[in-house]
Amino acid sequence: MAPECRLVLSHVVGERNQMMAREIVAKTADRLACMPLFVTDGLKFYAKSLLEQFGQWINYPATGKRGRPRKDRLVPDENLKYARIIKIKQGGRLKAIVKKTVFGKDIDAEVISTSLIERLNLTLRQDNNRISRKTIGFSKKIDGLRKQMNLYFANYNFCRGHRSLKQLNNVGKMEICTPATYCDLTNRNLTLKELLAIPCYKRSTI
């Protein structure tokens, strides 16, 4: 999620493992126009996926000297900035929050936060019984869950107004707008009927 406009850039449905981390990083990178600051929780898979996506290989030529040759290595891009927040709990209670810079320099500790995405996760579970914890409303098939999540986030980005996002309308009054409207992806808030009427085209793989 882009915190400035609350726009959900990408999502994946699956287990929290390395494969899913690679997928969501790749999908996010495909939608970026510049390199932002990445902030996540303490899950270890994100650092490796970001390095694979935005890293550069350094090749060391053979020196002709005796001994084992130096191995090529993957280093982060100079513009890559990534930090994570590690929450330390004891006895079911939060004891400390550690902010750690993984890639990049001069990252202000005040901007290292996951509060907005955590609030989005709460809203998502309140709105969507399919992913609520300890209920019997879960999806029986993962394909159905993926389609439902696609519809939910499309509605969230293009139809659902966010109270923290406001712009001047045509008559000069402030009105609540959607993340997509705030980012100038659309010139107005769409209705769900309008969203469903937009033709969907698959991207060519050629």
N, C-alpha and C. Protein backbone atom coordinates (compact mmCIF):
# COMPACT_ATOMS: atom_id res chain seq x y z
N MET A 1 0.84 -1.19 0.00
CA MET A 1 0.00 0.00 0.00
C MET A 1 0.88 1.25 0.00
N ALA A 2 0.48 2.21 -0.85
CA ALA A 2 1.18 3.50 -0.87
C ALA A 2 0.58 4.36 0.24
N PRO A 3 1.33 4.70 1.30
CA PRO A 3 0.74 5.39 2.46
C PRO A 3 0.25 6.80 2.16
N GLU A 4 0.85 7.48 1.17
CA GLU A 4 0.47 8.85 0.90
C GLU A 4 -0.96 8.96 0.38
N CYS A 5 -1.41 7.95 -0.37
CA CYS A 5 -2.74 8.01 -0.98
C CYS A 5 -3.60 6.81 -0.61
N ARG A 6 -3.10 5.90 0.21
CA ARG A 6 -3.84 4.72 0.67
C ARG A 6 -4.17 3.76 -0.48
N LEU A 7 -3.49 3.89 -1.60
CA LEU A 7 -3.77 3.03 -2.75
C LEU A 7 -3.12 1.66 -2.54
N VAL A 8 -3.90 0.60 -2.67
CA VAL A 8 -3.38 -0.76 -2.57
C VAL A 8 -2.78 -1.14 -3.92
N LEU A 9 -1.47 -1.26 -3.97
CA LEU A 9 -0.78 -1.51 -5.24
C LEU A 9 -0.88 -2.96 -5.67
N SER A 10 -0.82 -3.88 -4.74
CA SER A 10 -0.86 -5.29 -5.10
C SER A 10 -1.23 -6.13 -3.88
N HIS A 11 -1.66 -7.33 -4.14
CA HIS A 11 -1.94 -8.29 -3.07
C HIS A 11 -1.80 -9.69 -3.64
N VAL A 12 -1.57 -10.64 -2.77
CA VAL A 12 -1.52 -12.04 -3.16
C VAL A 12 -2.29 -12.86 -2.13
N VAL A 13 -2.78 -13.99 -2.56
CA VAL A 13 -3.50 -14.91 -1.68
C VAL A 13 -2.68 -16.18 -1.56
N GLY A 14 -2.30 -16.52 -0.35
CA GLY A 14 -1.50 -17.73 -0.14
C GLY A 14 -0.80 -17.70 1.20
N GLU A 15 0.08 -18.65 1.41
CA GLU A 15 0.82 -18.75 2.66
C GLU A 15 1.92 -17.69 2.70
N ARG A 16 2.33 -17.37 3.90
CA ARG A 16 3.42 -16.40 4.08
C ARG A 16 4.75 -17.14 3.95
N ASN A 17 5.19 -17.31 2.70
CA ASN A 17 6.44 -18.01 2.44
C ASN A 17 7.24 -17.24 1.40
N GLN A 18 8.39 -17.78 1.02
CA GLN A 18 9.28 -17.09 0.09
C GLN A 18 8.65 -16.92 -1.29
N MET A 19 7.92 -17.90 -1.74
CA MET A 19 7.30 -17.82 -3.06
C MET A 19 6.27 -16.69 -3.12
N MET A 20 5.45 -16.56 -2.08
CA MET A 20 4.45 -15.50 -2.04
C MET A 20 5.12 -14.13 -1.91
N ALA A 21 6.22 -14.06 -1.16
CA ALA A 21 6.95 -12.80 -1.03
C ALA A 21 7.52 -12.36 -2.37
N ARG A 22 8.07 -13.30 -3.13
CA ARG A 22 8.57 -12.97 -4.47
C ARG A 22 7.45 -12.46 -5.37
N GLU A 23 6.29 -13.09 -5.28
CA GLU A 23 5.18 -12.71 -6.15
C GLU A 23 4.69 -11.31 -5.84
N ILE A 24 4.51 -10.99 -4.57
CA ILE A 24 3.97 -9.66 -4.24
C ILE A 24 5.00 -8.56 -4.51
N VAL A 25 6.29 -8.84 -4.34
CA VAL A 25 7.32 -7.86 -4.65
C VAL A 25 7.37 -7.62 -6.16
N ALA A 26 7.27 -8.68 -6.94
CA ALA A 26 7.30 -8.54 -8.40
C ALA A 26 6.08 -7.77 -8.90
N LYS A 27 4.91 -8.06 -8.36
CA LYS A 27 3.69 -7.36 -8.77
C LYS A 27 3.76 -5.88 -8.38
N THR A 28 4.31 -5.60 -7.21
CA THR A 28 4.45 -4.22 -6.77
C THR A 28 5.44 -3.46 -7.65
N ALA A 29 6.56 -4.09 -7.96
CA ALA A 29 7.58 -3.45 -8.79
C ALA A 29 7.04 -3.11 -10.17
N ASP A 30 6.13 -3.93 -10.68
CA ASP A 30 5.56 -3.71 -12.00
C ASP A 30 4.66 -2.48 -12.04
N ARG A 31 4.24 -1.99 -10.86
CA ARG A 31 3.31 -0.86 -10.79
C ARG A 31 3.99 0.42 -10.31
N LEU A 32 5.29 0.40 -10.14
CA LEU A 32 6.00 1.55 -9.59
C LEU A 32 6.63 2.38 -10.71
N ALA A 33 6.60 3.70 -10.52
CA ALA A 33 7.27 4.61 -11.45
C ALA A 33 8.63 5.05 -10.91
N CYS A 34 8.85 4.89 -9.61
CA CYS A 34 10.12 5.24 -8.99
C CYS A 34 10.34 4.32 -7.79
N MET A 35 11.52 4.39 -7.22
CA MET A 35 11.86 3.52 -6.10
C MET A 35 11.42 4.16 -4.78
N PRO A 36 10.44 3.57 -4.10
CA PRO A 36 9.99 4.15 -2.83
C PRO A 36 10.74 3.54 -1.64
N LEU A 37 10.36 3.97 -0.46
CA LEU A 37 10.82 3.32 0.76
C LEU A 37 9.90 2.15 1.06
N PHE A 38 10.46 0.96 1.18
CA PHE A 38 9.69 -0.22 1.52
C PHE A 38 9.76 -0.43 3.04
N VAL A 39 8.61 -0.66 3.65
CA VAL A 39 8.54 -0.95 5.08
C VAL A 39 7.63 -2.15 5.28
N THR A 40 8.10 -3.15 6.00
CA THR A 40 7.31 -4.36 6.26
C THR A 40 7.45 -4.75 7.72
N ASP A 41 6.77 -5.83 8.07
CA ASP A 41 6.96 -6.40 9.40
C ASP A 41 8.26 -7.22 9.40
N GLY A 42 8.45 -8.00 10.43
CA GLY A 42 9.72 -8.71 10.57
C GLY A 42 9.85 -10.00 9.80
N LEU A 43 8.90 -10.30 8.90
CA LEU A 43 8.99 -11.54 8.12
C LEU A 43 10.26 -11.53 7.27
N LYS A 44 11.07 -12.56 7.39
CA LYS A 44 12.40 -12.57 6.78
C LYS A 44 12.37 -12.69 5.26
N PHE A 45 11.27 -13.15 4.68
CA PHE A 45 11.25 -13.42 3.25
C PHE A 45 11.29 -12.15 2.40
N TYR A 46 10.85 -11.02 2.92
CA TYR A 46 10.78 -9.81 2.12
C TYR A 46 12.16 -9.30 1.71
N ALA A 47 13.13 -9.35 2.60
CA ALA A 47 14.46 -8.83 2.30
C ALA A 47 15.08 -9.57 1.12
N LYS A 48 14.97 -10.88 1.11
CA LYS A 48 15.53 -11.66 0.01
C LYS A 48 14.81 -11.37 -1.30
N SER A 49 13.49 -11.23 -1.24
CA SER A 49 12.72 -10.97 -2.45
C SER A 49 13.03 -9.59 -3.02
N LEU A 50 13.17 -8.58 -2.16
CA LEU A 50 13.52 -7.24 -2.63
C LEU A 50 14.92 -7.21 -3.23
N LEU A 51 15.83 -7.95 -2.63
CA LEU A 51 17.19 -8.00 -3.16
C LEU A 51 17.21 -8.69 -4.52
N GLU A 52 16.43 -9.75 -4.67
CA GLU A 52 16.35 -10.44 -5.96
C GLU A 52 15.71 -9.56 -7.03
N GLN A 53 14.73 -8.76 -6.64
CA GLN A 53 14.01 -7.93 -7.60
C GLN A 53 14.81 -6.69 -8.00
N PHE A 54 15.44 -6.03 -7.03
CA PHE A 54 16.09 -4.75 -7.30
C PHE A 54 17.62 -4.80 -7.16
N GLY A 55 18.16 -5.98 -6.88
CA GLY A 55 19.60 -6.08 -6.69
C GLY A 55 20.37 -6.16 -8.00
N GLN A 56 21.66 -6.03 -7.90
CA GLN A 56 22.55 -6.11 -9.05
C GLN A 56 23.68 -7.08 -8.74
N TRP A 57 24.03 -7.88 -9.74
CA TRP A 57 25.11 -8.86 -9.56
C TRP A 57 26.46 -8.20 -9.79
N ILE A 58 27.40 -8.50 -8.92
CA ILE A 58 28.78 -8.06 -9.08
C ILE A 58 29.60 -9.29 -9.46
N ASN A 59 30.21 -9.22 -10.64
CA ASN A 59 31.01 -10.34 -11.13
C ASN A 59 32.49 -10.05 -10.89
N TYR A 60 33.16 -10.98 -10.27
CA TYR A 60 34.59 -10.84 -9.98
C TYR A 60 35.39 -11.66 -11.00
N PRO A 61 36.23 -11.01 -11.79
CA PRO A 61 37.01 -11.74 -12.79
C PRO A 61 38.09 -12.62 -12.14
N ALA A 62 38.51 -13.61 -12.88
CA ALA A 62 39.57 -14.49 -12.39
C ALA A 62 40.88 -13.72 -12.29
N THR A 63 41.58 -13.92 -11.18
CA THR A 63 42.85 -13.21 -10.97
C THR A 63 44.06 -14.01 -11.41
N GLY A 64 43.88 -15.30 -11.60
CA GLY A 64 45.00 -16.15 -11.98
C GLY A 64 45.87 -16.58 -10.81
N LYS A 65 45.50 -16.14 -9.61
CA LYS A 65 46.26 -16.51 -8.43
C LYS A 65 45.75 -17.81 -7.84
N ARG A 66 46.55 -18.41 -7.00
CA ARG A 66 46.17 -19.65 -6.34
C ARG A 66 45.06 -19.39 -5.32
N GLY A 67 44.28 -20.41 -5.07
CA GLY A 67 43.22 -20.31 -4.08
C GLY A 67 41.84 -20.29 -4.71
N ARG A 68 40.86 -20.38 -3.89
CA ARG A 68 39.48 -20.40 -4.35
C ARG A 68 39.09 -19.04 -4.93
N PRO A 69 38.48 -19.02 -6.12
CA PRO A 69 38.09 -17.72 -6.72
C PRO A 69 36.97 -17.07 -5.93
N ARG A 70 36.92 -15.77 -6.01
CA ARG A 70 35.89 -15.01 -5.30
C ARG A 70 34.55 -15.17 -6.02
N LYS A 71 33.52 -15.51 -5.27
CA LYS A 71 32.21 -15.76 -5.87
C LYS A 71 31.49 -14.45 -6.21
N ASP A 72 30.71 -14.50 -7.29
CA ASP A 72 29.86 -13.37 -7.63
C ASP A 72 28.82 -13.19 -6.53
N ARG A 73 28.40 -11.94 -6.31
CA ARG A 73 27.42 -11.71 -5.24
C ARG A 73 26.38 -10.68 -5.68
N LEU A 74 25.22 -10.78 -5.06
CA LEU A 74 24.10 -9.90 -5.36
C LEU A 74 24.07 -8.78 -4.33
N VAL A 75 24.11 -7.54 -4.80
CA VAL A 75 24.12 -6.39 -3.89
C VAL A 75 22.89 -5.54 -4.18
N PRO A 76 22.38 -4.84 -3.18
CA PRO A 76 21.18 -4.00 -3.40
C PRO A 76 21.49 -2.79 -4.27
N ASP A 77 20.50 -2.36 -5.03
CA ASP A 77 20.60 -1.13 -5.81
C ASP A 77 20.84 0.04 -4.87
N GLU A 78 21.60 1.03 -5.33
CA GLU A 78 21.92 2.17 -4.46
C GLU A 78 20.69 2.98 -4.08
N ASN A 79 19.62 2.86 -4.86
CA ASN A 79 18.39 3.59 -4.55
C ASN A 79 17.40 2.79 -3.71
N LEU A 80 17.72 1.53 -3.48
CA LEU A 80 16.80 0.68 -2.71
C LEU A 80 16.86 1.03 -1.23
N LYS A 81 15.69 1.33 -0.66
CA LYS A 81 15.58 1.59 0.77
C LYS A 81 14.52 0.67 1.37
N TYR A 82 14.92 -0.06 2.37
CA TYR A 82 14.00 -1.03 2.98
C TYR A 82 14.26 -1.08 4.48
N ALA A 83 13.18 -0.97 5.24
CA ALA A 83 13.26 -1.08 6.70
C ALA A 83 12.13 -1.98 7.18
N ARG A 84 12.30 -2.55 8.33
CA ARG A 84 11.25 -3.41 8.87
C ARG A 84 11.06 -3.15 10.36
N ILE A 85 9.88 -3.49 10.81
CA ILE A 85 9.52 -3.32 12.20
C ILE A 85 9.34 -4.69 12.85
N ILE A 86 10.05 -4.91 13.92
CA ILE A 86 9.99 -6.18 14.65
C ILE A 86 9.34 -5.93 16.00
N LYS A 87 8.24 -6.60 16.23
CA LYS A 87 7.51 -6.45 17.49
C LYS A 87 7.88 -7.61 18.43
N ILE A 88 8.34 -7.23 19.60
CA ILE A 88 8.75 -8.22 20.60
C ILE A 88 7.62 -8.37 21.62
N LYS A 89 7.11 -9.58 21.74
CA LYS A 89 6.00 -9.85 22.65
C LYS A 89 6.44 -10.82 23.73
N GLN A 90 5.84 -10.67 24.87
CA GLN A 90 6.11 -11.55 26.00
C GLN A 90 4.83 -11.77 26.78
N GLY A 91 4.45 -13.02 26.94
CA GLY A 91 3.22 -13.32 27.65
C GLY A 91 1.98 -12.80 26.96
N GLY A 92 2.02 -12.74 25.62
CA GLY A 92 0.88 -12.24 24.87
C GLY A 92 0.75 -10.73 24.84
N ARG A 93 1.75 -10.01 25.38
CA ARG A 93 1.70 -8.55 25.40
C ARG A 93 2.91 -7.97 24.67
N LEU A 94 2.70 -6.82 24.07
CA LEU A 94 3.76 -6.15 23.34
C LEU A 94 4.73 -5.49 24.31
N LYS A 95 6.00 -5.86 24.21
CA LYS A 95 7.01 -5.32 25.11
C LYS A 95 7.87 -4.24 24.46
N ALA A 96 8.18 -4.42 23.18
CA ALA A 96 9.04 -3.44 22.53
C ALA A 96 8.84 -3.50 21.02
N ILE A 97 9.16 -2.39 20.36
CA ILE A 97 9.12 -2.30 18.90
C ILE A 97 10.49 -1.88 18.41
N VAL A 98 11.09 -2.71 17.57
CA VAL A 98 12.43 -2.44 17.05
C VAL A 98 12.32 -2.07 15.58
N LYS A 99 12.85 -0.90 15.21
CA LYS A 99 12.89 -0.44 13.82
C LYS A 99 14.29 -0.67 13.28
N LYS A 100 14.39 -1.45 12.21
CA LYS A 100 15.69 -1.83 11.68
C LYS A 100 15.78 -1.49 10.19
N THR A 101 16.83 -0.77 9.82
CA THR A 101 17.11 -0.47 8.41
C THR A 101 17.88 -1.63 7.80
N VAL A 102 17.36 -2.21 6.74
CA VAL A 102 17.99 -3.36 6.09
C VAL A 102 18.81 -2.91 4.88
N PHE A 103 18.20 -2.11 4.00
CA PHE A 103 18.89 -1.58 2.83
C PHE A 103 18.73 -0.06 2.81
N GLY A 104 19.77 0.63 2.39
CA GLY A 104 19.69 2.08 2.26
C GLY A 104 20.29 2.80 3.46
N LYS A 105 20.41 4.11 3.30
CA LYS A 105 20.98 4.96 4.35
C LYS A 105 20.09 6.18 4.58
N ASP A 106 20.29 6.79 5.73
CA ASP A 106 19.61 8.05 6.08
C ASP A 106 18.10 7.92 6.02
N ILE A 107 17.56 6.84 6.56
CA ILE A 107 16.12 6.65 6.63
C ILE A 107 15.62 7.17 7.98
N ASP A 108 14.73 8.12 7.94
CA ASP A 108 14.19 8.71 9.16
C ASP A 108 13.35 7.67 9.90
N ALA A 109 13.63 7.49 11.19
CA ALA A 109 12.91 6.48 11.97
C ALA A 109 11.42 6.79 12.07
N GLU A 110 11.05 8.07 11.95
CA GLU A 110 9.64 8.44 12.07
C GLU A 110 8.79 7.93 10.91
N VAL A 111 9.41 7.72 9.75
CA VAL A 111 8.64 7.24 8.59
C VAL A 111 8.61 5.72 8.52
N ILE A 112 9.33 5.05 9.40
CA ILE A 112 9.31 3.59 9.45
C ILE A 112 8.10 3.17 10.27
N SER A 113 7.03 2.83 9.61
CA SER A 113 5.79 2.50 10.30
C SER A 113 4.95 1.57 9.43
N THR A 114 4.25 0.67 10.09
CA THR A 114 3.31 -0.23 9.40
C THR A 114 1.89 -0.05 9.93
N SER A 115 1.64 1.06 10.59
CA SER A 115 0.34 1.26 11.22
C SER A 115 -0.79 1.34 10.19
N LEU A 116 -0.52 1.95 9.04
CA LEU A 116 -1.58 2.09 8.03
C LEU A 116 -1.96 0.75 7.41
N ILE A 117 -0.97 -0.07 7.12
CA ILE A 117 -1.28 -1.38 6.54
C ILE A 117 -1.92 -2.29 7.59
N GLU A 118 -1.55 -2.12 8.85
CA GLU A 118 -2.20 -2.90 9.91
C GLU A 118 -3.66 -2.49 10.06
N ARG A 119 -3.93 -1.19 9.93
CA ARG A 119 -5.32 -0.73 9.99
C ARG A 119 -6.10 -1.23 8.78
N LEU A 120 -5.45 -1.29 7.63
CA LEU A 120 -6.10 -1.84 6.44
C LEU A 120 -6.43 -3.31 6.63
N ASN A 121 -5.53 -4.06 7.25
CA ASN A 121 -5.79 -5.48 7.51
C ASN A 121 -7.00 -5.66 8.44
N LEU A 122 -7.11 -4.77 9.44
CA LEU A 122 -8.26 -4.84 10.34
C LEU A 122 -9.55 -4.53 9.59
N THR A 123 -9.54 -3.47 8.77
CA THR A 123 -10.71 -3.13 7.97
C THR A 123 -11.09 -4.27 7.03
N LEU A 124 -10.08 -4.89 6.46
CA LEU A 124 -10.31 -5.99 5.52
C LEU A 124 -11.00 -7.16 6.21
N ARG A 125 -10.57 -7.48 7.42
CA ARG A 125 -11.18 -8.61 8.13
C ARG A 125 -12.58 -8.26 8.63
N GLN A 126 -12.81 -7.00 8.96
CA GLN A 126 -14.15 -6.60 9.39
C GLN A 126 -15.14 -6.64 8.24
N ASP A 127 -14.68 -6.28 7.04
CA ASP A 127 -15.56 -6.23 5.87
C ASP A 127 -15.75 -7.59 5.22
N ASN A 128 -14.77 -8.46 5.36
CA ASN A 128 -14.71 -9.68 4.57
C ASN A 128 -14.70 -10.90 5.48
N ASN A 129 -15.82 -11.58 5.56
CA ASN A 129 -15.92 -12.74 6.44
C ASN A 129 -15.07 -13.91 5.97
N ARG A 130 -14.67 -13.90 4.70
CA ARG A 130 -13.88 -15.00 4.17
C ARG A 130 -12.50 -15.10 4.82
N ILE A 131 -11.98 -13.98 5.31
CA ILE A 131 -10.65 -14.02 5.92
C ILE A 131 -10.69 -13.66 7.40
N SER A 132 -11.87 -13.59 7.99
CA SER A 132 -11.97 -13.36 9.44
C SER A 132 -11.45 -14.58 10.19
N ARG A 133 -10.78 -14.33 11.29
CA ARG A 133 -10.21 -15.43 12.06
C ARG A 133 -11.28 -16.15 12.87
N LYS A 134 -11.14 -17.46 12.96
CA LYS A 134 -11.96 -18.32 13.82
C LYS A 134 -13.45 -18.20 13.49
N THR A 135 -13.76 -18.28 12.20
CA THR A 135 -15.16 -18.29 11.76
C THR A 135 -15.35 -19.46 10.80
N ILE A 136 -16.63 -19.71 10.44
CA ILE A 136 -16.92 -20.77 9.47
C ILE A 136 -17.26 -20.17 8.11
N GLY A 137 -16.94 -18.89 7.94
CA GLY A 137 -17.26 -18.22 6.68
C GLY A 137 -16.13 -18.23 5.67
N PHE A 138 -15.13 -19.10 5.88
CA PHE A 138 -13.97 -19.10 5.00
C PHE A 138 -14.33 -19.64 3.61
N SER A 139 -13.49 -19.28 2.63
CA SER A 139 -13.70 -19.75 1.26
C SER A 139 -13.34 -21.24 1.18
N LYS A 140 -14.17 -21.98 0.49
CA LYS A 140 -13.91 -23.42 0.35
C LYS A 140 -12.89 -23.70 -0.75
N LYS A 141 -12.78 -22.78 -1.72
CA LYS A 141 -11.83 -22.94 -2.81
C LYS A 141 -11.01 -21.66 -2.93
N ILE A 142 -9.70 -21.83 -3.16
CA ILE A 142 -8.81 -20.67 -3.19
C ILE A 142 -9.07 -19.79 -4.41
N ASP A 143 -9.55 -20.37 -5.51
CA ASP A 143 -9.83 -19.57 -6.70
C ASP A 143 -10.96 -18.58 -6.42
N GLY A 144 -11.97 -19.02 -5.69
CA GLY A 144 -13.06 -18.12 -5.31
C GLY A 144 -12.59 -17.01 -4.41
N LEU A 145 -11.67 -17.33 -3.50
CA LEU A 145 -11.12 -16.31 -2.61
C LEU A 145 -10.31 -15.27 -3.39
N ARG A 146 -9.51 -15.72 -4.35
CA ARG A 146 -8.73 -14.79 -5.16
C ARG A 146 -9.64 -13.82 -5.92
N LYS A 147 -10.70 -14.33 -6.52
CA LYS A 147 -11.61 -13.47 -7.28
C LYS A 147 -12.32 -12.48 -6.37
N GLN A 148 -12.71 -12.95 -5.20
CA GLN A 148 -13.40 -12.05 -4.26
C GLN A 148 -12.47 -10.96 -3.77
N MET A 149 -11.19 -11.30 -3.51
CA MET A 149 -10.22 -10.31 -3.06
C MET A 149 -9.91 -9.30 -4.15
N ASN A 150 -9.87 -9.76 -5.40
CA ASN A 150 -9.67 -8.81 -6.51
C ASN A 150 -10.80 -7.79 -6.56
N LEU A 151 -12.03 -8.26 -6.40
CA LEU A 151 -13.17 -7.35 -6.41
C LEU A 151 -13.13 -6.41 -5.22
N TYR A 152 -12.76 -6.92 -4.05
CA TYR A 152 -12.72 -6.08 -2.85
C TYR A 152 -11.73 -4.93 -3.01
N PHE A 153 -10.51 -5.23 -3.47
CA PHE A 153 -9.50 -4.19 -3.58
C PHE A 153 -9.80 -3.23 -4.73
N ALA A 154 -10.44 -3.71 -5.80
CA ALA A 154 -10.86 -2.80 -6.86
C ALA A 154 -11.90 -1.82 -6.34
N ASN A 155 -12.83 -2.31 -5.54
CA ASN A 155 -13.83 -1.43 -4.92
C ASN A 155 -13.17 -0.48 -3.92
N TYR A 156 -12.19 -0.97 -3.17
CA TYR A 156 -11.48 -0.15 -2.19
C TYR A 156 -10.73 1.00 -2.87
N ASN A 157 -10.08 0.72 -3.99
CA ASN A 157 -9.27 1.73 -4.67
C ASN A 157 -10.09 2.73 -5.47
N PHE A 158 -11.17 2.26 -6.11
CA PHE A 158 -11.87 3.10 -7.08
C PHE A 158 -13.25 3.59 -6.64
N CYS A 159 -13.87 2.92 -5.68
CA CYS A 159 -15.26 3.26 -5.32
C CYS A 159 -15.42 3.76 -3.89
N ARG A 160 -14.66 3.26 -3.00
CA ARG A 160 -14.86 3.53 -1.58
C ARG A 160 -14.08 4.78 -1.15
N GLY A 161 -14.77 5.79 -0.73
CA GLY A 161 -14.11 7.02 -0.28
C GLY A 161 -13.37 6.81 1.03
N HIS A 162 -12.23 7.46 1.15
CA HIS A 162 -11.42 7.38 2.36
C HIS A 162 -11.47 8.72 3.07
N ARG A 163 -11.85 8.72 4.33
CA ARG A 163 -12.07 9.98 5.04
C ARG A 163 -10.82 10.84 5.20
N SER A 164 -9.64 10.25 5.10
CA SER A 164 -8.41 11.03 5.21
C SER A 164 -7.98 11.64 3.88
N LEU A 165 -8.70 11.31 2.80
CA LEU A 165 -8.36 11.82 1.47
C LEU A 165 -9.46 12.77 1.01
N LYS A 166 -9.11 14.03 0.81
CA LYS A 166 -10.10 15.01 0.39
C LYS A 166 -9.53 15.90 -0.71
N GLN A 167 -10.38 16.27 -1.65
CA GLN A 167 -10.01 17.16 -2.75
C GLN A 167 -11.14 18.12 -3.04
N LEU A 168 -10.81 19.21 -3.72
CA LEU A 168 -11.83 20.16 -4.15
C LEU A 168 -12.61 19.60 -5.33
N ASN A 169 -13.93 19.69 -5.27
CA ASN A 169 -14.75 19.25 -6.38
C ASN A 169 -14.98 20.38 -7.38
N ASN A 170 -15.87 20.16 -8.33
CA ASN A 170 -16.10 21.15 -9.40
C ASN A 170 -16.71 22.46 -8.89
N VAL A 171 -17.38 22.40 -7.75
CA VAL A 171 -18.02 23.62 -7.21
C VAL A 171 -17.18 24.26 -6.11
N GLY A 172 -15.95 23.79 -5.94
CA GLY A 172 -15.05 24.41 -4.98
C GLY A 172 -15.20 23.95 -3.55
N LYS A 173 -15.84 22.82 -3.33
CA LYS A 173 -16.01 22.29 -1.98
C LYS A 173 -15.14 21.04 -1.79
N MET A 174 -14.68 20.85 -0.56
CA MET A 174 -13.89 19.67 -0.25
C MET A 174 -14.81 18.46 -0.16
N GLU A 175 -14.38 17.37 -0.80
CA GLU A 175 -15.15 16.14 -0.72
C GLU A 175 -14.22 14.96 -0.55
N ILE A 176 -14.75 13.92 0.09
CA ILE A 176 -13.97 12.70 0.30
C ILE A 176 -13.80 11.98 -1.03
N CYS A 177 -12.59 11.54 -1.29
CA CYS A 177 -12.34 10.86 -2.56
C CYS A 177 -11.71 9.49 -2.32
N THR A 178 -11.65 8.72 -3.35
CA THR A 178 -11.07 7.38 -3.30
C THR A 178 -9.55 7.47 -3.49
N PRO A 179 -8.82 6.42 -3.15
CA PRO A 179 -7.37 6.44 -3.42
C PRO A 179 -7.04 6.65 -4.88
N ALA A 180 -7.81 6.05 -5.78
CA ALA A 180 -7.55 6.20 -7.21
C ALA A 180 -7.78 7.64 -7.66
N THR A 181 -8.82 8.30 -7.16
CA THR A 181 -9.09 9.69 -7.50
C THR A 181 -8.00 10.61 -6.95
N TYR A 182 -7.55 10.33 -5.75
CA TYR A 182 -6.51 11.13 -5.12
C TYR A 182 -5.20 11.04 -5.90
N CYS A 183 -4.96 9.89 -6.53
CA CYS A 183 -3.74 9.68 -7.33
C CYS A 183 -3.92 10.08 -8.78
N ASP A 184 -5.08 10.64 -9.13
CA ASP A 184 -5.39 11.05 -10.50
C ASP A 184 -5.46 9.88 -11.47
N LEU A 185 -5.78 8.69 -10.96
CA LEU A 185 -6.03 7.55 -11.85
C LEU A 185 -7.43 7.65 -12.44
N THR A 186 -8.33 8.30 -11.73
CA THR A 186 -9.67 8.60 -12.22
C THR A 186 -10.00 10.04 -11.88
N ASN A 187 -10.94 10.63 -12.61
CA ASN A 187 -11.30 12.03 -12.35
C ASN A 187 -12.46 12.18 -11.37
N ARG A 188 -12.99 11.06 -10.89
CA ARG A 188 -14.07 11.09 -9.91
C ARG A 188 -14.19 9.72 -9.27
N ASN A 189 -14.95 9.67 -8.16
CA ASN A 189 -15.20 8.39 -7.51
C ASN A 189 -16.17 7.57 -8.36
N LEU A 190 -15.82 6.34 -8.59
CA LEU A 190 -16.69 5.46 -9.37
C LEU A 190 -17.69 4.76 -8.48
N THR A 191 -18.82 4.41 -9.06
CA THR A 191 -19.77 3.54 -8.36
C THR A 191 -19.40 2.09 -8.66
N LEU A 192 -19.91 1.18 -7.85
CA LEU A 192 -19.62 -0.23 -8.08
C LEU A 192 -20.17 -0.68 -9.44
N LYS A 193 -21.32 -0.15 -9.82
CA LYS A 193 -21.90 -0.49 -11.12
C LYS A 193 -20.99 -0.04 -12.26
N GLU A 194 -20.43 1.17 -12.15
CA GLU A 194 -19.50 1.66 -13.16
C GLU A 194 -18.23 0.82 -13.20
N LEU A 195 -17.75 0.44 -12.03
CA LEU A 195 -16.53 -0.38 -11.96
C LEU A 195 -16.74 -1.72 -12.66
N LEU A 196 -17.87 -2.36 -12.41
CA LEU A 196 -18.13 -3.67 -13.00
C LEU A 196 -18.39 -3.58 -14.50
N ALA A 197 -18.74 -2.39 -14.99
CA ALA A 197 -19.03 -2.22 -16.42
C ALA A 197 -17.77 -1.93 -17.23
N ILE A 198 -16.63 -1.68 -16.56
CA ILE A 198 -15.39 -1.39 -17.27
C ILE A 198 -14.86 -2.68 -17.90
N PRO A 199 -14.58 -2.69 -19.20
CA PRO A 199 -14.04 -3.90 -19.84
C PRO A 199 -12.69 -4.28 -19.24
N CYS A 200 -12.47 -5.56 -19.09
CA CYS A 200 -11.22 -6.08 -18.53
C CYS A 200 -10.45 -6.79 -19.64
N TYR A 201 -9.20 -6.40 -19.84
CA TYR A 201 -8.37 -7.00 -20.88
C TYR A 201 -7.16 -7.67 -20.24
N LYS A 202 -6.89 -8.87 -20.69
CA LYS A 202 -5.72 -9.58 -20.18
C LYS A 202 -4.47 -9.01 -20.85
N ARG A 203 -3.40 -8.89 -20.07
CA ARG A 203 -2.15 -8.40 -20.61
C ARG A 203 -1.51 -9.46 -21.50
N SER A 204 -1.01 -9.03 -22.65
CA SER A 204 -0.37 -9.96 -23.58
C SER A 204 0.91 -10.50 -22.99
N THR A 205 1.17 -11.79 -23.22
CA THR A 205 2.40 -12.43 -22.72
C THR A 205 3.46 -12.52 -23.79
N ILE A 206 3.16 -11.99 -24.97
CA ILE A 206 4.13 -12.06 -26.07
C ILE A 206 5.23 -11.01 -25.88
